[in-house]
Amino acid sequence: MLQILAVTRCYGPGPWFLIFPLFWFGFLALLFFTIGRRRGRGPWGGGGGRSVLDERYARGEISVDEYRERRAVLEEGRR
């Protein structure tokens, strides 16, 4: 029994030393990107109409009243 333990220890921690943390890192990254995409903030999601409306208002293409009106319509559709 003592010889088996000695042989096992010669090989070191094995591949699990790298695979286990990489698995959890990949899982958390997938979770992060999935939640971000659903909220429109992920690398694949653009943010939809709200971000376009914010950009148009920031550039001065629409007035404050028009911005508020269109934002209210977008929020109504979300409910």
PDB file of N, CA and C in Angstrom:
ATOM      1  N   MET A   1       0.835  -1.196   0.000  1.00  0.00           N
ATOM      2  CA  MET A   1       0.000   0.000   0.000  1.00  0.00           C
ATOM      3  C   MET A   1       0.869   1.245   0.000  1.00  0.00           C
ATOM      4  N   LEU A   2       1.932   1.212   0.764  1.00  0.00           N
ATOM      5  CA  LEU A   2       2.822   2.355   0.836  1.00  0.00           C
ATOM      6  C   LEU A   2       3.503   2.615  -0.503  1.00  0.00           C
ATOM      7  N   GLN A   3       3.827   1.557  -1.229  1.00  0.00           N
ATOM      8  CA  GLN A   3       4.456   1.717  -2.539  1.00  0.00           C
ATOM      9  C   GLN A   3       3.494   2.336  -3.542  1.00  0.00           C
ATOM     10  N   ILE A   4       2.219   2.001  -3.469  1.00  0.00           N
ATOM     11  CA  ILE A   4       1.221   2.555  -4.392  1.00  0.00           C
ATOM     12  C   ILE A   4       1.104   4.062  -4.174  1.00  0.00           C
ATOM     13  N   LEU A   5       1.065   4.499  -2.942  1.00  0.00           N
ATOM     14  CA  LEU A   5       0.993   5.922  -2.653  1.00  0.00           C
ATOM     15  C   LEU A   5       2.249   6.642  -3.142  1.00  0.00           C
ATOM     16  N   ALA A   6       3.392   6.011  -2.990  1.00  0.00           N
ATOM     17  CA  ALA A   6       4.636   6.628  -3.437  1.00  0.00           C
ATOM     18  C   ALA A   6       4.661   6.779  -4.946  1.00  0.00           C
ATOM     19  N   VAL A   7       4.163   5.783  -5.671  1.00  0.00           N
ATOM     20  CA  VAL A   7       4.121   5.858  -7.140  1.00  0.00           C
ATOM     21  C   VAL A   7       3.126   6.927  -7.579  1.00  0.00           C
ATOM     22  N   THR A   8       1.998   7.006  -6.905  1.00  0.00           N
ATOM     23  CA  THR A   8       0.980   7.991  -7.260  1.00  0.00           C
ATOM     24  C   THR A   8       1.504   9.404  -7.042  1.00  0.00           C
ATOM     25  N   ARG A   9       2.249   9.630  -6.013  1.00  0.00           N
ATOM     26  CA  ARG A   9       2.757  10.963  -5.733  1.00  0.00           C
ATOM     27  C   ARG A   9       3.824  11.400  -6.724  1.00  0.00           C
ATOM     28  N   CYS A  10       4.457  10.501  -7.395  1.00  0.00           N
ATOM     29  CA  CYS A  10       5.502  10.852  -8.361  1.00  0.00           C
ATOM     30  C   CYS A  10       4.947  11.598  -9.558  1.00  0.00           C
ATOM     31  N   TYR A  11       3.693  11.370  -9.876  1.00  0.00           N
ATOM     32  CA  TYR A  11       3.113  11.973 -11.075  1.00  0.00           C
ATOM     33  C   TYR A  11       2.584  13.382 -10.837  1.00  0.00           C
ATOM     34  N   GLY A  12       2.539  13.855  -9.653  1.00  0.00           N
ATOM     35  CA  GLY A  12       2.064  15.205  -9.372  1.00  0.00           C
ATOM     36  C   GLY A  12       0.552  15.290  -9.364  1.00  0.00           C
ATOM     37  N   PRO A  13       0.030  16.491  -9.447  1.00  0.00           N
ATOM     38  CA  PRO A  13      -1.422  16.682  -9.327  1.00  0.00           C
ATOM     39  C   PRO A  13      -2.201  16.191 -10.534  1.00  0.00           C
ATOM     40  N   GLY A  14      -1.579  15.997 -11.667  1.00  0.00           N
ATOM     41  CA  GLY A  14      -2.284  15.497 -12.841  1.00  0.00           C
ATOM     42  C   GLY A  14      -2.997  16.604 -13.596  1.00  0.00           C
ATOM     43  N   PRO A  15      -3.786  16.216 -14.577  1.00  0.00           N
ATOM     44  CA  PRO A  15      -4.456  17.219 -15.418  1.00  0.00           C
ATOM     45  C   PRO A  15      -5.563  17.976 -14.698  1.00  0.00           C
ATOM     46  N   TRP A  16      -6.091  17.415 -13.610  1.00  0.00           N
ATOM     47  CA  TRP A  16      -7.166  18.097 -12.895  1.00  0.00           C
ATOM     48  C   TRP A  16      -6.715  19.430 -12.321  1.00  0.00           C
ATOM     49  N   PHE A  17      -5.418  19.571 -12.130  1.00  0.00           N
ATOM     50  CA  PHE A  17      -4.879  20.815 -11.610  1.00  0.00           C
ATOM     51  C   PHE A  17      -5.241  21.989 -12.530  1.00  0.00           C
ATOM     52  N   LEU A  18      -5.300  21.762 -13.839  1.00  0.00           N
ATOM     53  CA  LEU A  18      -5.660  22.804 -14.797  1.00  0.00           C
ATOM     54  C   LEU A  18      -7.097  22.700 -15.269  1.00  0.00           C
ATOM     55  N   ILE A  19      -7.608  21.491 -15.414  1.00  0.00           N
ATOM     56  CA  ILE A  19      -8.944  21.309 -15.979  1.00  0.00           C
ATOM     57  C   ILE A  19     -10.028  21.840 -15.049  1.00  0.00           C
ATOM     58  N   PHE A  20      -9.917  21.582 -13.780  1.00  0.00           N
ATOM     59  CA  PHE A  20     -10.958  22.007 -12.843  1.00  0.00           C
ATOM     60  C   PHE A  20     -11.136  23.526 -12.805  1.00  0.00           C
ATOM     61  N   PRO A  21     -10.081  24.334 -12.646  1.00  0.00           N
ATOM     62  CA  PRO A  21     -10.275  25.795 -12.672  1.00  0.00           C
ATOM     63  C   PRO A  21     -10.728  26.309 -14.041  1.00  0.00           C
ATOM     64  N   LEU A  22     -10.240  25.701 -15.112  1.00  0.00           N
ATOM     65  CA  LEU A  22     -10.671  26.133 -16.443  1.00  0.00           C
ATOM     66  C   LEU A  22     -12.148  25.844 -16.671  1.00  0.00           C
ATOM     67  N   PHE A  23     -12.619  24.727 -16.154  1.00  0.00           N
ATOM     68  CA  PHE A  23     -14.039  24.407 -16.261  1.00  0.00           C
ATOM     69  C   PHE A  23     -14.881  25.483 -15.578  1.00  0.00           C
ATOM     70  N   TRP A  24     -14.519  25.841 -14.355  1.00  0.00           N
ATOM     71  CA  TRP A  24     -15.301  26.843 -13.627  1.00  0.00           C
ATOM     72  C   TRP A  24     -15.175  28.224 -14.265  1.00  0.00           C
ATOM     73  N   PHE A  25     -14.012  28.557 -14.773  1.00  0.00           N
ATOM     74  CA  PHE A  25     -13.855  29.836 -15.463  1.00  0.00           C
ATOM     75  C   PHE A  25     -14.749  29.876 -16.705  1.00  0.00           C
ATOM     76  N   GLY A  26     -14.771  28.811 -17.461  1.00  0.00           N
ATOM     77  CA  GLY A  26     -15.624  28.748 -18.653  1.00  0.00           C
ATOM     78  C   GLY A  26     -17.095  28.814 -18.304  1.00  0.00           C
ATOM     79  N   PHE A  27     -17.485  28.119 -17.246  1.00  0.00           N
ATOM     80  CA  PHE A  27     -18.878  28.141 -16.814  1.00  0.00           C
ATOM     81  C   PHE A  27     -19.307  29.540 -16.389  1.00  0.00           C
ATOM     82  N   LEU A  28     -18.485  30.207 -15.607  1.00  0.00           N
ATOM     83  CA  LEU A  28     -18.825  31.560 -15.157  1.00  0.00           C
ATOM     84  C   LEU A  28     -18.833  32.548 -16.317  1.00  0.00           C
ATOM     85  N   ALA A  29     -17.919  32.398 -17.260  1.00  0.00           N
ATOM     86  CA  ALA A  29     -17.906  33.279 -18.436  1.00  0.00           C
ATOM     87  C   ALA A  29     -19.172  33.085 -19.266  1.00  0.00           C
ATOM     88  N   LEU A  30     -19.585  31.840 -19.459  1.00  0.00           N
ATOM     89  CA  LEU A  30     -20.812  31.555 -20.200  1.00  0.00           C
ATOM     90  C   LEU A  30     -22.028  32.151 -19.492  1.00  0.00           C
ATOM     91  N   LEU A  31     -22.068  32.012 -18.198  1.00  0.00           N
ATOM     92  CA  LEU A  31     -23.165  32.574 -17.409  1.00  0.00           C
ATOM     93  C   LEU A  31     -23.193  34.097 -17.524  1.00  0.00           C
ATOM     94  N   PHE A  32     -22.029  34.713 -17.412  1.00  0.00           N
ATOM     95  CA  PHE A  32     -21.932  36.165 -17.507  1.00  0.00           C
ATOM     96  C   PHE A  32     -22.414  36.671 -18.872  1.00  0.00           C
ATOM     97  N   PHE A  33     -21.945  36.034 -19.940  1.00  0.00           N
ATOM     98  CA  PHE A  33     -22.330  36.476 -21.279  1.00  0.00           C
ATOM     99  C   PHE A  33     -23.800  36.200 -21.578  1.00  0.00           C
ATOM    100  N   THR A  34     -24.335  35.116 -21.033  1.00  0.00           N
ATOM    101  CA  THR A  34     -25.749  34.810 -21.242  1.00  0.00           C
ATOM    102  C   THR A  34     -26.638  35.836 -20.559  1.00  0.00           C
ATOM    103  N   ILE A  35     -26.318  36.167 -19.327  1.00  0.00           N
ATOM    104  CA  ILE A  35     -27.106  37.169 -18.604  1.00  0.00           C
ATOM    105  C   ILE A  35     -26.952  38.527 -19.268  1.00  0.00           C
ATOM    106  N   GLY A  36     -25.751  38.871 -19.681  1.00  0.00           N
ATOM    107  CA  GLY A  36     -25.538  40.141 -20.363  1.00  0.00           C
ATOM    108  C   GLY A  36     -26.281  40.237 -21.667  1.00  0.00           C
ATOM    109  N   ARG A  37     -26.370  39.143 -22.384  1.00  0.00           N
ATOM    110  CA  ARG A  37     -27.087  39.154 -23.664  1.00  0.00           C
ATOM    111  C   ARG A  37     -28.580  39.325 -23.439  1.00  0.00           C
ATOM    112  N   ARG A  38     -29.106  38.683 -22.417  1.00  0.00           N
ATOM    113  CA  ARG A  38     -30.541  38.818 -22.148  1.00  0.00           C
ATOM    114  C   ARG A  38     -30.901  40.244 -21.751  1.00  0.00           C
ATOM    115  N   ARG A  39     -30.004  40.917 -21.087  1.00  0.00           N
ATOM    116  CA  ARG A  39     -30.261  42.297 -20.671  1.00  0.00           C
ATOM    117  C   ARG A  39     -29.859  43.302 -21.740  1.00  0.00           C
ATOM    118  N   GLY A  40     -29.306  42.829 -22.836  1.00  0.00           N
ATOM    119  CA  GLY A  40     -28.918  43.719 -23.919  1.00  0.00           C
ATOM    120  C   GLY A  40     -27.582  44.385 -23.719  1.00  0.00           C
ATOM    121  N   ARG A  41     -26.758  43.892 -22.793  1.00  0.00           N
ATOM    122  CA  ARG A  41     -25.477  44.530 -22.528  1.00  0.00           C
ATOM    123  C   ARG A  41     -24.296  43.629 -22.855  1.00  0.00           C
ATOM    124  N   GLY A  42     -24.555  42.456 -23.348  1.00  0.00           N
ATOM    125  CA  GLY A  42     -23.480  41.515 -23.643  1.00  0.00           C
ATOM    126  C   GLY A  42     -22.754  41.872 -24.925  1.00  0.00           C
ATOM    127  N   PRO A  43     -21.769  41.105 -25.275  1.00  0.00           N
ATOM    128  CA  PRO A  43     -21.015  41.403 -26.491  1.00  0.00           C
ATOM    129  C   PRO A  43     -21.827  41.205 -27.756  1.00  0.00           C
ATOM    130  N   TRP A  44     -22.922  40.428 -27.687  1.00  0.00           N
ATOM    131  CA  TRP A  44     -23.730  40.187 -28.873  1.00  0.00           C
ATOM    132  C   TRP A  44     -24.972  41.059 -28.896  1.00  0.00           C
ATOM    133  N   GLY A  45     -25.396  41.541 -27.756  1.00  0.00           N
ATOM    134  CA  GLY A  45     -26.607  42.349 -27.685  1.00  0.00           C
ATOM    135  C   GLY A  45     -26.299  43.820 -27.878  1.00  0.00           C
ATOM    136  N   GLY A  46     -27.120  44.486 -28.645  1.00  0.00           N
ATOM    137  CA  GLY A  46     -26.861  45.891 -28.922  1.00  0.00           C
ATOM    138  C   GLY A  46     -27.536  46.836 -27.957  1.00  0.00           C
ATOM    139  N   GLY A  47     -28.529  46.388 -27.251  1.00  0.00           N
ATOM    140  CA  GLY A  47     -29.231  47.264 -26.336  1.00  0.00           C
ATOM    141  C   GLY A  47     -30.580  47.684 -26.881  1.00  0.00           C
ATOM    142  N   GLY A  48     -30.805  47.475 -28.159  1.00  0.00           N
ATOM    143  CA  GLY A  48     -32.103  47.729 -28.745  1.00  0.00           C
ATOM    144  C   GLY A  48     -32.407  49.195 -28.947  1.00  0.00           C
ATOM    145  N   GLY A  49     -33.710  49.468 -28.934  1.00  0.00           N
ATOM    146  CA  GLY A  49     -34.188  50.803 -29.229  1.00  0.00           C
ATOM    147  C   GLY A  49     -33.788  51.849 -28.208  1.00  0.00           C
ATOM    148  N   ARG A  50     -33.665  51.447 -26.976  1.00  0.00           N
ATOM    149  CA  ARG A  50     -33.322  52.403 -25.920  1.00  0.00           C
ATOM    150  C   ARG A  50     -31.942  53.009 -26.155  1.00  0.00           C
ATOM    151  N   SER A  51     -30.965  52.198 -26.528  1.00  0.00           N
ATOM    152  CA  SER A  51     -29.620  52.734 -26.752  1.00  0.00           C
ATOM    153  C   SER A  51     -29.583  53.622 -28.000  1.00  0.00           C
ATOM    154  N   VAL A  52     -30.354  53.260 -29.019  1.00  0.00           N
ATOM    155  CA  VAL A  52     -30.416  54.089 -30.221  1.00  0.00           C
ATOM    156  C   VAL A  52     -31.054  55.433 -29.891  1.00  0.00           C
ATOM    157  N   LEU A  53     -32.105  55.381 -29.100  1.00  0.00           N
ATOM    158  CA  LEU A  53     -32.778  56.616 -28.686  1.00  0.00           C
ATOM    159  C   LEU A  53     -31.855  57.499 -27.857  1.00  0.00           C
ATOM    160  N   ASP A  54     -31.106  56.897 -26.938  1.00  0.00           N
ATOM    161  CA  ASP A  54     -30.150  57.657 -26.127  1.00  0.00           C
ATOM    162  C   ASP A  54     -29.077  58.310 -26.995  1.00  0.00           C
ATOM    163  N   GLU A  55     -28.582  57.568 -27.986  1.00  0.00           N
ATOM    164  CA  GLU A  55     -27.556  58.115 -28.878  1.00  0.00           C
ATOM    165  C   GLU A  55     -28.099  59.275 -29.710  1.00  0.00           C
ATOM    166  N   ARG A  56     -29.304  59.136 -30.209  1.00  0.00           N
ATOM    167  CA  ARG A  56     -29.896  60.224 -31.016  1.00  0.00           C
ATOM    168  C   ARG A  56     -30.106  61.479 -30.179  1.00  0.00           C
ATOM    169  N   TYR A  57     -30.515  61.279 -28.922  1.00  0.00           N
ATOM    170  CA  TYR A  57     -30.692  62.431 -28.032  1.00  0.00           C
ATOM    171  C   TYR A  57     -29.344  63.076 -27.705  1.00  0.00           C
ATOM    172  N   ALA A  58     -28.338  62.261 -27.480  1.00  0.00           N
ATOM    173  CA  ALA A  58     -27.005  62.788 -27.156  1.00  0.00           C
ATOM    174  C   ALA A  58     -26.413  63.573 -28.323  1.00  0.00           C
ATOM    175  N   ARG A  59     -26.695  63.161 -29.542  1.00  0.00           N
ATOM    176  CA  ARG A  59     -26.191  63.882 -30.715  1.00  0.00           C
ATOM    177  C   ARG A  59     -27.012  65.131 -31.040  1.00  0.00           C
ATOM    178  N   GLY A  60     -28.161  65.292 -30.368  1.00  0.00           N
ATOM    179  CA  GLY A  60     -28.986  66.468 -30.592  1.00  0.00           C
ATOM    180  C   GLY A  60     -29.950  66.323 -31.753  1.00  0.00           C
ATOM    181  N   GLU A  61     -30.190  65.103 -32.198  1.00  0.00           N
ATOM    182  CA  GLU A  61     -31.087  64.882 -33.333  1.00  0.00           C
ATOM    183  C   GLU A  61     -32.555  64.992 -32.939  1.00  0.00           C
ATOM    184  N   ILE A  62     -32.867  64.759 -31.664  1.00  0.00           N
ATOM    185  CA  ILE A  62     -34.246  64.864 -31.196  1.00  0.00           C
ATOM    186  C   ILE A  62     -34.288  65.746 -29.957  1.00  0.00           C
ATOM    187  N   SER A  63     -35.450  66.327 -29.721  1.00  0.00           N
ATOM    188  CA  SER A  63     -35.609  67.226 -28.575  1.00  0.00           C
ATOM    189  C   SER A  63     -35.908  66.424 -27.308  1.00  0.00           C
ATOM    190  N   VAL A  64     -35.932  67.134 -26.177  1.00  0.00           N
ATOM    191  CA  VAL A  64     -36.200  66.499 -24.894  1.00  0.00           C
ATOM    192  C   VAL A  64     -37.607  65.920 -24.871  1.00  0.00           C
ATOM    193  N   ASP A  65     -38.566  66.673 -25.377  1.00  0.00           N
ATOM    194  CA  ASP A  65     -39.951  66.188 -25.384  1.00  0.00           C
ATOM    195  C   ASP A  65     -40.102  64.942 -26.248  1.00  0.00           C
ATOM    196  N   GLU A  66     -39.481  64.956 -27.414  1.00  0.00           N
ATOM    197  CA  GLU A  66     -39.558  63.804 -28.304  1.00  0.00           C
ATOM    198  C   GLU A  66     -38.866  62.583 -27.676  1.00  0.00           C
ATOM    199  N   TYR A  67     -37.748  62.839 -27.010  1.00  0.00           N
ATOM    200  CA  TYR A  67     -37.020  61.762 -26.329  1.00  0.00           C
ATOM    201  C   TYR A  67     -37.890  61.122 -25.256  1.00  0.00           C
ATOM    202  N   ARG A  68     -38.514  61.945 -24.426  1.00  0.00           N
ATOM    203  CA  ARG A  68     -39.355  61.422 -23.341  1.00  0.00           C
ATOM    204  C   ARG A  68     -40.562  60.660 -23.885  1.00  0.00           C
ATOM    205  N   GLU A  69     -41.149  61.177 -24.946  1.00  0.00           N
ATOM    206  CA  GLU A  69     -42.312  60.518 -25.543  1.00  0.00           C
ATOM    207  C   GLU A  69     -41.934  59.138 -26.097  1.00  0.00           C
ATOM    208  N   ARG A  70     -40.851  59.084 -26.846  1.00  0.00           N
ATOM    209  CA  ARG A  70     -40.432  57.809 -27.436  1.00  0.00           C
ATOM    210  C   ARG A  70     -39.950  56.823 -26.371  1.00  0.00           C
ATOM    211  N   ARG A  71     -39.326  57.340 -25.332  1.00  0.00           N
ATOM    212  CA  ARG A  71     -38.868  56.465 -24.245  1.00  0.00           C
ATOM    213  C   ARG A  71     -40.070  55.862 -23.524  1.00  0.00           C
ATOM    214  N   ALA A  72     -41.121  56.644 -23.320  1.00  0.00           N
ATOM    215  CA  ALA A  72     -42.330  56.140 -22.683  1.00  0.00           C
ATOM    216  C   ALA A  72     -42.967  55.026 -23.529  1.00  0.00           C
ATOM    217  N   VAL A  73     -42.946  55.202 -24.848  1.00  0.00           N
ATOM    218  CA  VAL A  73     -43.496  54.171 -25.732  1.00  0.00           C
ATOM    219  C   VAL A  73     -42.665  52.889 -25.624  1.00  0.00           C
ATOM    220  N   LEU A  74     -41.339  53.024 -25.587  1.00  0.00           N
ATOM    221  CA  LEU A  74     -40.485  51.843 -25.467  1.00  0.00           C
ATOM    222  C   LEU A  74     -40.702  51.114 -24.136  1.00  0.00           C
ATOM    223  N   GLU A  75     -40.852  51.870 -23.055  1.00  0.00           N
ATOM    224  CA  GLU A  75     -41.069  51.253 -21.754  1.00  0.00           C
ATOM    225  C   GLU A  75     -42.446  50.602 -21.655  1.00  0.00           C
ATOM    226  N   GLU A  76     -43.428  51.142 -22.362  1.00  0.00           N
ATOM    227  CA  GLU A  76     -44.755  50.527 -22.404  1.00  0.00           C
ATOM    228  C   GLU A  76     -44.682  49.169 -23.088  1.00  0.00           C
ATOM    229  N   GLY A  77     -43.952  49.091 -24.156  1.00  0.00           N
ATOM    230  CA  GLY A  77     -43.828  47.838 -24.892  1.00  0.00           C
ATOM    231  C   GLY A  77     -43.092  46.769 -24.119  1.00  0.00           C
ATOM    232  N   ARG A  78     -42.242  47.164 -23.201  1.00  0.00           N
ATOM    233  CA  ARG A  78     -41.467  46.219 -22.400  1.00  0.00           C
ATOM    234  C   ARG A  78     -42.331  45.522 -21.366  1.00  0.00           C
ATOM    235  N   ARG A  79     -43.364  46.181 -20.903  1.00  0.00           N
ATOM    236  CA  ARG A  79     -44.220  45.616 -19.834  1.00  0.00           C
ATOM    237  C   ARG A  79     -45.117  44.557 -20.327  1.00  0.00           C
TER     238      ARG A  79
END
